């Protein structure tokens, strides 16, 4: 399914054959470009960036590399190829042909899912708009900009669905997506994690590892949807999301590598005075970003999630690979709950615990990433190990939203929490120190002293390549 870049809006959905829809999207396009110029990466309108652009949705040919000015990036609408004979894989409609139009009885629920997902995409761009001013290297700057333009395209993906399938309501929702802004007191983004500041590159790498990983699981669940246009849209988005998580995981790994080098060379854990980020501070950032991202999965017990599943709108991670009846009428799932002052797993109907199963899949995946970071530490012979905090730690949503819990899962009083949280979460002093490290390095082949260079460059290019040209 090749993409026609001669179109004003590149697409593989034969947009030119639907003039009404084409006109509606072309009317939305200037507002999007104005948003990008106002709230996209600061001061970058004339930069030439070595970017990857999708040229098809096939696995072996969907990316083309070359210099592009970001306002000229060809954002478009790309859906994965349809699967002939595909049927709905779960819920009450299991085994029925997938829908290519919105079922009337599920219209509001589908719109809500699409709007919530779509809102996260421009939010991430807004959160990261200042980071280019303090990049540790041109390689990292280029990766930031790649993520930015792809988050923008993911916004386009959801806007297309709203315009194509939801009429006036959809057009209004698409307009509102550019009216809400990350951290805005009056019109904030829908989900809390997307109103947090991303003030430095350590936060950005943690965000890309933890919060973009939530995006992976949300998109994978929607990719199972019985509404086939949504499923196909998310399937293609997942190919780009993988790079976002790579940027986060490899970025943190390179910070760990540099910290370990400084610990070895100076024979001390106190690497701050040598321009590094100590492992204890990295653990605090892990605690914060992991806990904030856990909230994105919603309530532990959720009738909304149960309804989405039963209706065939949003499945589980890798739904078709799970060996059960895919209807969950009699199944159970362990859900962590507060019982007599202790947090223990309690079996609950699996249908209302769909969020919690997805959260557990996510936790397992995060742990695999931490294992890789820990291997770097072990390779230096250092006796330290990163740990994920307990799922109840620092939560704001769900069962544990009003409970104070230590990183190892012990319930504590508010007084103890206030006295101890500085040891578990980034303090003002920690954030202030990280801010002092954020000095831009924009000479090709050079890199900031708090992070190690990558083992390889982009698309076969060396680390020393001029990934961004400033004009």
Protein backbone atom coordinates (compact mmCIF):
# COMPACT_ATOMS: atom_id res chain seq x y z
CA UNK A 1 0.00 0.00 0.00
CA UNK A 2 2.20 2.82 -1.32
CA UNK A 3 1.59 6.39 -0.13
CA UNK A 4 1.01 9.13 -2.69
CA UNK A 5 3.13 12.12 -1.65
CA UNK A 6 1.77 14.23 -4.50
CA UNK A 7 -1.41 14.66 -2.49
CA UNK A 8 -1.82 17.72 -0.28
CA UNK A 9 -2.47 15.24 2.53
CA UNK A 10 -0.45 12.05 1.82
CA UNK A 11 -2.57 8.98 2.42
CA UNK A 12 -3.29 5.39 1.48
CA UNK A 13 -7.05 5.60 2.11
CA UNK A 14 -8.01 6.98 -1.35
CA UNK A 15 -8.88 10.32 0.16
CA UNK A 16 -9.24 11.98 -3.25
CA UNK A 17 -12.27 9.81 -3.93
CA UNK A 18 -14.15 11.32 -0.99
CA UNK A 19 -14.24 15.03 -1.74
CA UNK A 20 -16.30 15.99 1.32
CA UNK A 21 -13.87 14.30 3.67
CA UNK A 22 -10.88 15.67 1.79
CA UNK A 23 -12.20 19.22 2.08
CA UNK A 24 -12.86 18.80 5.80
CA UNK A 25 -9.34 17.56 6.49
CA UNK A 26 -7.80 20.24 4.29
CA UNK A 27 -9.74 22.80 6.34
CA UNK A 28 -8.28 21.33 9.56
CA UNK A 29 -4.74 21.22 8.19
CA UNK A 30 -3.93 24.99 8.53
CA UNK A 31 -5.00 24.95 12.18
CA UNK A 32 -2.68 22.00 12.77
CA UNK A 33 0.24 23.79 11.11
CA UNK A 34 -0.46 26.91 13.18
CA UNK A 35 -0.46 24.75 16.30
CA UNK A 36 2.88 23.20 15.28
CA UNK A 37 4.47 26.61 14.70
CA UNK A 38 3.18 27.94 18.03
CA UNK A 39 3.56 24.91 20.32
CA UNK A 40 5.87 22.52 18.44
CA UNK A 41 9.67 22.44 18.94
CA UNK A 42 10.86 25.96 19.71
CA UNK A 43 12.99 27.81 17.16
CA UNK A 44 13.24 24.94 14.68
CA UNK A 45 11.21 26.13 11.70
CA UNK A 46 14.29 26.47 9.47
CA UNK A 47 16.28 23.44 10.66
CA UNK A 48 17.07 20.69 8.15
CA UNK A 49 16.62 17.41 10.04
CA UNK A 50 17.64 13.92 8.92
CA UNK A 51 14.19 12.37 9.32
CA UNK A 52 12.49 9.12 8.48
CA UNK A 53 9.30 9.42 6.45
CA UNK A 54 6.88 6.58 5.80
CA UNK A 55 6.68 5.64 2.12
CA UNK A 56 4.52 2.52 2.52
CA UNK A 57 2.98 0.48 5.31
CA UNK A 58 4.73 -2.77 4.42
CA UNK A 59 7.25 -3.99 6.99
CA UNK A 60 10.14 -3.99 4.50
CA UNK A 61 9.66 -0.56 3.00
CA UNK A 62 7.88 1.91 5.18
CA UNK A 63 10.70 4.39 5.86
CA UNK A 64 12.71 6.80 3.75
CA UNK A 65 15.52 8.95 5.22
CA UNK A 66 16.49 12.43 4.15
CA UNK A 67 16.75 16.06 5.24
CA UNK A 68 13.39 17.70 5.91
CA UNK A 69 12.34 20.95 7.52
CA UNK A 70 9.83 19.94 10.15
CA UNK A 71 7.04 22.33 9.08
CA UNK A 72 7.37 20.69 5.63
CA UNK A 73 7.17 17.15 6.97
CA UNK A 74 4.43 15.32 5.07
CA UNK A 75 2.07 14.33 7.85
CA UNK A 76 -0.53 11.99 6.47
CA UNK A 77 -3.04 9.21 6.97
CA UNK A 78 -1.74 5.64 6.79
CA UNK A 79 -3.60 2.45 7.65
CA UNK A 80 -2.16 -1.05 7.68
CA UNK A 81 -3.38 -3.39 4.96
CA UNK A 82 -6.78 -4.97 5.64
CA UNK A 83 -6.84 -8.66 6.53
CA UNK A 84 -9.22 -10.49 4.24
CA UNK A 85 -11.94 -12.26 6.17
CA UNK A 86 -10.92 -10.79 9.52
CA UNK A 87 -13.45 -11.35 12.30
CA UNK A 88 -13.93 -9.73 15.69
CA UNK A 89 -11.60 -11.66 18.04
CA UNK A 90 -13.29 -11.07 21.41
CA UNK A 91 -16.41 -10.00 23.28
CA UNK A 92 -20.06 -10.61 22.55
CA UNK A 93 -19.47 -10.21 18.80
CA UNK A 94 -16.59 -12.69 18.65
CA UNK A 95 -16.47 -14.45 15.28
CA UNK A 96 -18.59 -11.87 13.46
CA UNK A 97 -17.12 -9.92 10.52
CA UNK A 98 -15.28 -6.78 11.59
CA UNK A 99 -17.04 -3.44 11.18
CA UNK A 100 -15.97 -0.96 8.54
CA UNK A 101 -18.54 1.55 9.73
CA UNK A 102 -19.24 2.65 13.30
CA UNK A 103 -21.99 0.57 14.94
CA UNK A 104 -24.59 3.08 16.06
CA UNK A 105 -24.94 1.66 19.57
CA UNK A 106 -21.19 2.00 20.16
CA UNK A 107 -20.69 5.40 18.58
CA UNK A 108 -20.12 7.38 21.80
CA UNK A 109 -17.77 4.77 23.29
CA UNK A 110 -15.65 4.56 20.15
CA UNK A 111 -15.42 8.32 19.88
CA UNK A 112 -14.27 8.52 23.49
CA UNK A 113 -11.52 5.95 22.90
CA UNK A 114 -10.28 7.71 19.77
CA UNK A 115 -10.34 11.18 21.33
CA UNK A 116 -8.47 10.03 24.45
CA UNK A 117 -5.76 8.34 22.38
CA UNK A 118 -5.54 11.23 19.95
CA UNK A 119 -5.19 13.81 22.72
CA UNK A 120 -1.98 12.22 24.01
CA UNK A 121 -0.14 12.72 20.71
CA UNK A 122 0.03 16.54 20.43
CA UNK A 123 0.36 16.67 24.22
CA UNK A 124 3.73 14.89 24.06
CA UNK A 125 4.97 17.40 21.48
CA UNK A 126 3.94 20.28 23.73
CA UNK A 127 5.66 18.72 26.74
CA UNK A 128 8.93 18.38 24.81
CA UNK A 129 8.94 21.67 22.90
CA UNK A 130 11.84 23.25 24.83
CA UNK A 131 14.16 20.24 24.91
CA UNK A 132 15.91 21.06 21.65
CA UNK A 133 17.57 24.01 23.36
CA UNK A 134 19.54 21.72 25.69
CA UNK A 135 20.29 18.66 23.54
CA UNK A 136 23.27 16.49 24.56
CA UNK A 137 24.22 15.77 20.91
CA UNK A 138 22.98 16.15 17.34
CA UNK A 139 22.14 12.44 17.34
CA UNK A 140 19.82 12.91 20.30
CA UNK A 141 18.35 16.11 18.87
CA UNK A 142 17.49 14.30 15.65
CA UNK A 143 15.79 11.48 17.58
CA UNK A 144 13.75 14.01 19.55
CA UNK A 145 12.55 15.63 16.35
CA UNK A 146 11.74 12.24 14.83
CA UNK A 147 9.51 11.46 17.80
CA UNK A 148 7.91 14.90 17.58
CA UNK A 149 6.88 14.58 13.94
CA UNK A 150 5.61 11.04 14.47
CA UNK A 151 3.53 12.09 17.47
CA UNK A 152 2.11 14.72 15.17
CA UNK A 153 1.29 12.09 12.57
CA UNK A 154 -0.38 9.94 15.21
CA UNK A 155 -2.59 12.92 15.96
CA UNK A 156 -3.47 13.01 12.27
CA UNK A 157 -4.34 9.31 12.41
CA UNK A 158 -6.98 9.84 15.09
CA UNK A 159 -8.25 13.06 13.49
CA UNK A 160 -8.84 11.17 10.25
CA UNK A 161 -11.02 8.63 12.07
CA UNK A 162 -12.99 11.41 13.75
CA UNK A 163 -13.58 13.23 10.47
CA UNK A 164 -14.27 10.12 8.42
CA UNK A 165 -16.67 8.32 10.76
CA UNK A 166 -18.19 10.74 13.30
CA UNK A 167 -19.60 13.64 11.28
CA UNK A 168 -20.00 17.01 12.98
CA UNK A 169 -19.16 15.57 16.41
CA UNK A 170 -15.91 14.24 15.03
CA UNK A 171 -14.98 17.56 13.42
CA UNK A 172 -15.61 19.36 16.70
CA UNK A 173 -13.50 16.85 18.61
CA UNK A 174 -10.67 17.29 16.10
CA UNK A 175 -10.77 21.05 16.61
CA UNK A 176 -10.76 20.63 20.39
CA UNK A 177 -7.63 18.48 20.13
CA UNK A 178 -5.70 21.61 19.17
CA UNK A 179 -7.41 23.78 21.78
CA UNK A 180 -6.37 21.74 24.82
CA UNK A 181 -2.74 22.19 25.83
CA UNK A 182 -0.40 20.31 28.13
CA UNK A 183 -0.41 21.86 31.60
CA UNK A 184 -2.99 24.53 30.71
CA UNK A 185 -4.96 25.48 33.84
CA UNK A 186 -8.22 26.02 31.94
CA UNK A 187 -7.95 23.51 29.08
CA UNK A 188 -5.48 20.77 30.11
CA UNK A 189 -4.89 17.52 28.27
CA UNK A 190 -7.26 14.68 29.16
CA UNK A 191 -4.78 12.39 30.94
CA UNK A 192 -2.71 13.56 33.89
CA UNK A 193 0.67 12.25 32.74
CA UNK A 194 0.41 14.49 29.68
CA UNK A 195 0.15 17.60 31.82
CA UNK A 196 3.43 16.91 33.61
CA UNK A 197 6.47 18.99 32.65
CA UNK A 198 9.28 17.40 30.65
CA UNK A 199 11.89 19.92 31.69
CA UNK A 200 15.10 18.01 31.00
CA UNK A 201 16.50 15.17 28.93
CA UNK A 202 16.53 12.68 31.79
CA UNK A 203 12.77 13.20 32.18
CA UNK A 204 12.38 12.91 28.41
CA UNK A 205 14.19 9.56 28.25
CA UNK A 206 12.16 8.26 31.19
CA UNK A 207 8.96 9.52 29.55
CA UNK A 208 9.87 7.80 26.28
CA UNK A 209 10.60 4.54 28.10
CA UNK A 210 7.68 4.46 30.53
CA UNK A 211 4.91 6.63 29.09
CA UNK A 212 5.43 5.72 25.43
CA UNK A 213 5.39 2.11 26.59
CA UNK A 214 1.91 2.72 27.94
CA UNK A 215 1.13 3.95 24.42
CA UNK A 216 2.34 0.63 23.05
CA UNK A 217 -0.12 -1.29 25.20
CA UNK A 218 -3.02 1.04 24.55
CA UNK A 219 -2.42 0.95 20.79
CA UNK A 220 -1.99 -2.84 20.83
CA UNK A 221 -5.33 -3.19 22.63
CA UNK A 222 -7.04 -0.90 20.12
CA UNK A 223 -5.35 -2.79 17.26
CA UNK A 224 -7.56 -5.75 18.25
CA UNK A 225 -10.72 -3.67 17.83
CA UNK A 226 -13.72 -4.95 15.92
CA UNK A 227 -13.88 -1.49 14.28
CA UNK A 228 -11.40 -2.29 11.54
CA UNK A 229 -10.33 1.26 10.54
CA UNK A 230 -9.24 1.87 14.14
CA UNK A 231 -7.46 -1.50 14.33
CA UNK A 232 -5.58 -0.89 11.09
CA UNK A 233 -4.64 2.65 12.10
CA UNK A 234 -3.16 1.48 15.40
CA UNK A 235 -1.31 -1.41 13.77
CA UNK A 236 0.70 1.04 11.68
CA UNK A 237 1.21 3.45 14.59
CA UNK A 238 2.82 0.61 16.55
CA UNK A 239 5.64 0.37 13.99
CA UNK A 240 6.60 3.95 14.84
CA UNK A 241 6.00 3.57 18.58
CA UNK A 242 8.76 0.95 18.78
CA UNK A 243 11.37 3.59 17.90
CA UNK A 244 10.00 5.91 20.58
CA UNK A 245 10.58 3.28 23.26
CA UNK A 246 14.04 2.55 21.84
CA UNK A 247 14.98 6.20 22.28
CA UNK A 248 13.91 6.07 25.92
CA UNK A 249 15.50 2.74 26.80
CA UNK A 250 18.79 3.42 25.02
CA UNK A 251 18.91 6.98 26.37
CA UNK A 252 18.65 5.85 29.99
CA UNK A 253 21.09 3.01 29.29
CA UNK A 254 23.66 5.50 28.01
CA UNK A 255 23.23 7.64 31.14
CA UNK A 256 23.77 4.52 33.26
CA UNK A 257 26.83 3.64 31.18
CA UNK A 258 28.32 7.08 31.74
CA UNK A 259 27.60 6.97 35.48
CA UNK A 260 29.32 3.60 35.75
CA UNK A 261 32.33 4.86 33.81
CA UNK A 262 32.69 7.79 36.21
CA UNK A 263 32.26 5.51 39.25
CA UNK A 264 35.01 3.24 37.91
CA UNK A 265 37.39 6.04 36.96
CA UNK A 266 36.99 8.02 40.19
CA UNK A 267 36.29 5.09 42.53
CA UNK A 268 33.23 6.72 44.09
CA UNK A 269 29.46 6.57 43.96
CA UNK A 270 29.32 10.37 44.13
CA UNK A 271 29.55 11.14 40.42
CA UNK A 272 27.66 14.44 40.47
CA UNK A 273 30.84 16.40 41.11
CA UNK A 274 32.27 14.85 37.95
CA UNK A 275 29.27 15.83 35.83
CA UNK A 276 27.41 12.52 35.95
CA UNK A 277 23.98 11.47 37.17
CA UNK A 278 24.25 9.09 40.12
CA UNK A 279 22.36 5.80 40.15
CA UNK A 280 20.32 6.74 43.22
CA UNK A 281 18.92 9.77 41.40
CA UNK A 282 18.10 7.61 38.38
CA UNK A 283 16.14 5.30 40.70
CA UNK A 284 14.08 8.27 41.92
CA UNK A 285 13.21 9.19 38.33
CA UNK A 286 12.27 5.58 37.63
CA UNK A 287 9.96 5.64 40.64
CA UNK A 288 8.25 8.82 39.47
CA UNK A 289 7.76 8.06 35.79
CA UNK A 290 6.73 4.46 36.35
CA UNK A 291 4.08 5.40 38.91
CA UNK A 292 2.69 8.25 36.81
CA UNK A 293 2.48 5.95 33.80
CA UNK A 294 0.66 3.25 35.77
CA UNK A 295 -2.18 5.72 36.30
CA UNK A 296 -2.70 5.83 32.52
CA UNK A 297 -4.21 2.35 32.64
CA UNK A 298 -7.15 3.60 34.68
CA UNK A 299 -9.09 2.02 37.51
CA UNK A 300 -8.18 -1.47 38.70
CA UNK A 301 -11.85 -2.44 38.61
CA UNK A 302 -13.49 -0.84 35.59
CA UNK A 303 -16.94 -1.30 34.13
CA UNK A 304 -15.94 0.97 31.23
CA UNK A 305 -13.09 -1.37 30.29
CA UNK A 306 -15.44 -4.34 30.67
CA UNK A 307 -17.95 -2.68 28.34
CA UNK A 308 -15.28 -1.88 25.75
CA UNK A 309 -14.23 -5.52 25.80
CA UNK A 310 -17.73 -6.96 25.68
CA UNK A 311 -18.65 -4.61 22.85
CA UNK A 312 -15.60 -5.66 20.82
CA UNK A 313 -14.07 -2.17 20.81
CA UNK A 314 -10.84 -2.63 22.80
CA UNK A 315 -9.22 -5.97 23.54
CA UNK A 316 -6.27 -7.16 25.58
CA UNK A 317 -2.61 -7.13 24.62
CA UNK A 318 -2.09 -9.75 21.89
CA UNK A 319 -5.70 -10.85 22.30
CA UNK A 320 -5.59 -13.51 19.61
CA UNK A 321 -2.58 -15.21 21.27
CA UNK A 322 -4.35 -15.66 24.61
CA UNK A 323 -5.73 -19.15 25.20
CA UNK A 324 -9.20 -18.65 26.64
CA UNK A 325 -12.75 -18.12 25.39
CA UNK A 326 -12.13 -14.39 24.66
CA UNK A 327 -15.43 -13.58 26.34
CA UNK A 328 -14.34 -13.78 30.00
CA UNK A 329 -17.74 -14.79 31.30
CA UNK A 330 -16.45 -17.11 34.02
CA UNK A 331 -12.73 -16.21 34.25
CA UNK A 332 -11.03 -14.43 37.13
CA UNK A 333 -7.91 -12.27 37.45
CA UNK A 334 -5.93 -11.31 40.60
CA UNK A 335 -6.37 -7.62 41.41
CA UNK A 336 -4.29 -5.94 44.12
CA UNK A 337 -6.46 -4.43 46.82
CA UNK A 338 -6.09 -2.97 50.30
CA UNK A 339 -7.22 -5.54 52.88
CA UNK A 340 -6.74 -4.94 56.61
CA UNK A 341 -3.95 -2.46 55.99
CA UNK A 342 -2.05 -4.71 53.60
CA UNK A 343 -1.98 -4.85 49.81
CA UNK A 344 -2.82 -8.32 48.57
CA UNK A 345 -4.04 -9.86 45.28
CA UNK A 346 -7.75 -10.74 45.31
CA UNK A 347 -9.40 -12.73 42.52
CA UNK A 348 -11.98 -10.65 40.66
CA UNK A 349 -14.07 -11.29 37.55
CA UNK A 350 -11.62 -11.00 34.66
CA UNK A 351 -14.07 -8.91 32.66
CA UNK A 352 -13.91 -5.96 35.07
CA UNK A 353 -10.16 -6.47 35.57
CA UNK A 354 -9.16 -5.95 31.93
CA UNK A 355 -7.27 -2.75 32.84
CA UNK A 356 -5.35 -4.57 35.55
CA UNK A 357 -4.30 -7.37 33.22
CA UNK A 358 -3.02 -4.80 30.74
CA UNK A 359 -1.20 -3.00 33.56
CA UNK A 360 0.48 -6.29 34.53
CA UNK A 361 1.61 -6.88 30.94
CA UNK A 362 3.09 -3.38 31.02
CA UNK A 363 4.85 -3.97 34.36
CA UNK A 364 6.42 -7.16 33.02
CA UNK A 365 7.68 -5.29 29.96
CA UNK A 366 9.13 -2.46 32.05
CA UNK A 367 10.96 -5.01 34.19
CA UNK A 368 12.63 -6.43 31.09
CA UNK A 369 13.97 -2.96 30.33
CA UNK A 370 15.28 -2.54 33.87
CA UNK A 371 16.99 -5.91 33.60
CA UNK A 372 18.93 -4.61 30.60
CA UNK A 373 19.96 -1.46 32.48
CA UNK A 374 21.03 -3.61 35.43
CA UNK A 375 23.22 -5.71 33.15
CA UNK A 376 25.19 -2.57 32.31
CA UNK A 377 25.74 -1.91 36.01
CA UNK A 378 26.74 -5.54 36.58
CA UNK A 379 29.22 -5.39 33.71
CA UNK A 380 31.15 -2.77 35.69
CA UNK A 381 31.12 -4.94 38.81
CA UNK A 382 29.01 -2.40 40.71
CA UNK A 383 26.76 -3.64 43.51
CA UNK A 384 23.57 -1.76 42.66
CA UNK A 385 20.26 -2.77 41.12
CA UNK A 386 17.37 -0.71 39.80
CA UNK A 387 13.94 -1.84 40.98
CA UNK A 388 10.43 -1.00 39.90
CA UNK A 389 8.45 0.42 42.81
CA UNK A 390 5.29 -1.33 43.97
CA UNK A 391 2.28 -0.81 41.72
CA UNK A 392 0.55 1.09 44.57
CA UNK A 393 3.40 3.58 45.06
CA UNK A 394 2.69 7.27 44.31
CA UNK A 395 -0.62 6.57 42.57
CA UNK A 396 -3.27 9.22 41.90
CA UNK A 397 -5.92 7.10 40.18
CA UNK A 398 -7.69 3.92 41.19
CA UNK A 399 -7.66 1.83 44.35
CA UNK A 400 -4.43 3.39 45.63
CA UNK A 401 -5.11 7.01 44.69
CA UNK A 402 -5.72 7.97 48.34
CA UNK A 403 -3.25 5.57 49.97
CA UNK A 404 0.37 6.27 50.91
CA UNK A 405 2.61 3.35 50.02
CA UNK A 406 6.39 2.85 50.11
CA UNK A 407 8.30 1.64 47.03
CA UNK A 408 8.32 -1.87 48.51
CA UNK A 409 4.55 -1.89 49.05
CA UNK A 410 4.12 -1.03 52.73
CA UNK A 411 1.14 1.17 53.65
CA UNK A 412 2.21 4.22 55.67
CA UNK A 413 0.67 7.34 57.18
CA UNK A 414 0.58 10.76 55.54
CA UNK A 415 3.11 12.00 58.08
CA UNK A 416 5.61 9.27 57.21
CA UNK A 417 5.01 9.86 53.51
CA UNK A 418 5.75 13.57 53.77
CA UNK A 419 8.89 12.86 55.79
CA UNK A 420 10.18 10.16 53.43
CA UNK A 421 9.08 11.02 49.88
CA UNK A 422 12.26 13.00 49.19
CA UNK A 423 14.20 9.74 49.40
CA UNK A 424 11.93 8.08 46.85
CA UNK A 425 10.97 10.78 44.34
CA UNK A 426 13.00 13.52 42.63
CA UNK A 427 13.38 16.50 44.95
CA UNK A 428 13.72 20.15 43.97
CA UNK A 429 17.45 19.78 44.60
CA UNK A 430 17.61 16.74 42.30
CA UNK A 431 15.77 18.55 39.51
CA UNK A 432 17.93 21.61 40.06
CA UNK A 433 21.10 19.57 39.69
CA UNK A 434 19.82 17.90 36.51
CA UNK A 435 19.00 21.36 35.15
CA UNK A 436 22.63 22.43 35.59
CA UNK A 437 23.72 19.60 33.28
CA UNK A 438 21.37 20.64 30.48
CA UNK A 439 23.83 22.56 28.33
CA UNK A 440 23.47 22.19 24.54
CA UNK A 441 26.07 20.30 22.54
CA UNK A 442 25.49 20.82 18.82
CA UNK A 443 28.89 20.17 17.24
CA UNK A 444 28.83 16.98 15.14
CA UNK A 445 30.55 14.12 16.94
CA UNK A 446 30.50 15.82 20.34
CA UNK A 447 28.34 14.81 23.32
CA UNK A 448 27.52 16.06 26.82
CA UNK A 449 29.54 14.61 29.68
CA UNK A 450 26.57 13.09 31.54
CA UNK A 451 25.66 10.58 28.82
CA UNK A 452 27.65 8.05 26.79
CA UNK A 453 27.53 8.11 22.97
CA UNK A 454 25.37 5.52 21.22
CA UNK A 455 27.04 2.36 19.88
CA UNK A 456 25.82 3.23 16.36
CA UNK A 457 24.15 6.04 14.46
CA UNK A 458 20.91 6.30 12.50
CA UNK A 459 20.31 4.43 9.22
CA UNK A 460 23.93 3.29 8.99
CA UNK A 461 25.29 6.81 9.48
CA UNK A 462 28.06 7.36 12.06
CA UNK A 463 27.46 9.14 15.35
CA UNK A 464 29.52 12.04 13.93
CA UNK A 465 27.02 12.65 11.10
CA UNK A 466 25.42 16.09 10.86
CA UNK A 467 21.93 14.93 11.78
CA UNK A 468 20.59 18.47 12.14
CA UNK A 469 21.60 21.47 10.04
CA UNK A 470 20.92 24.88 11.55
CA UNK A 471 19.99 27.54 9.01
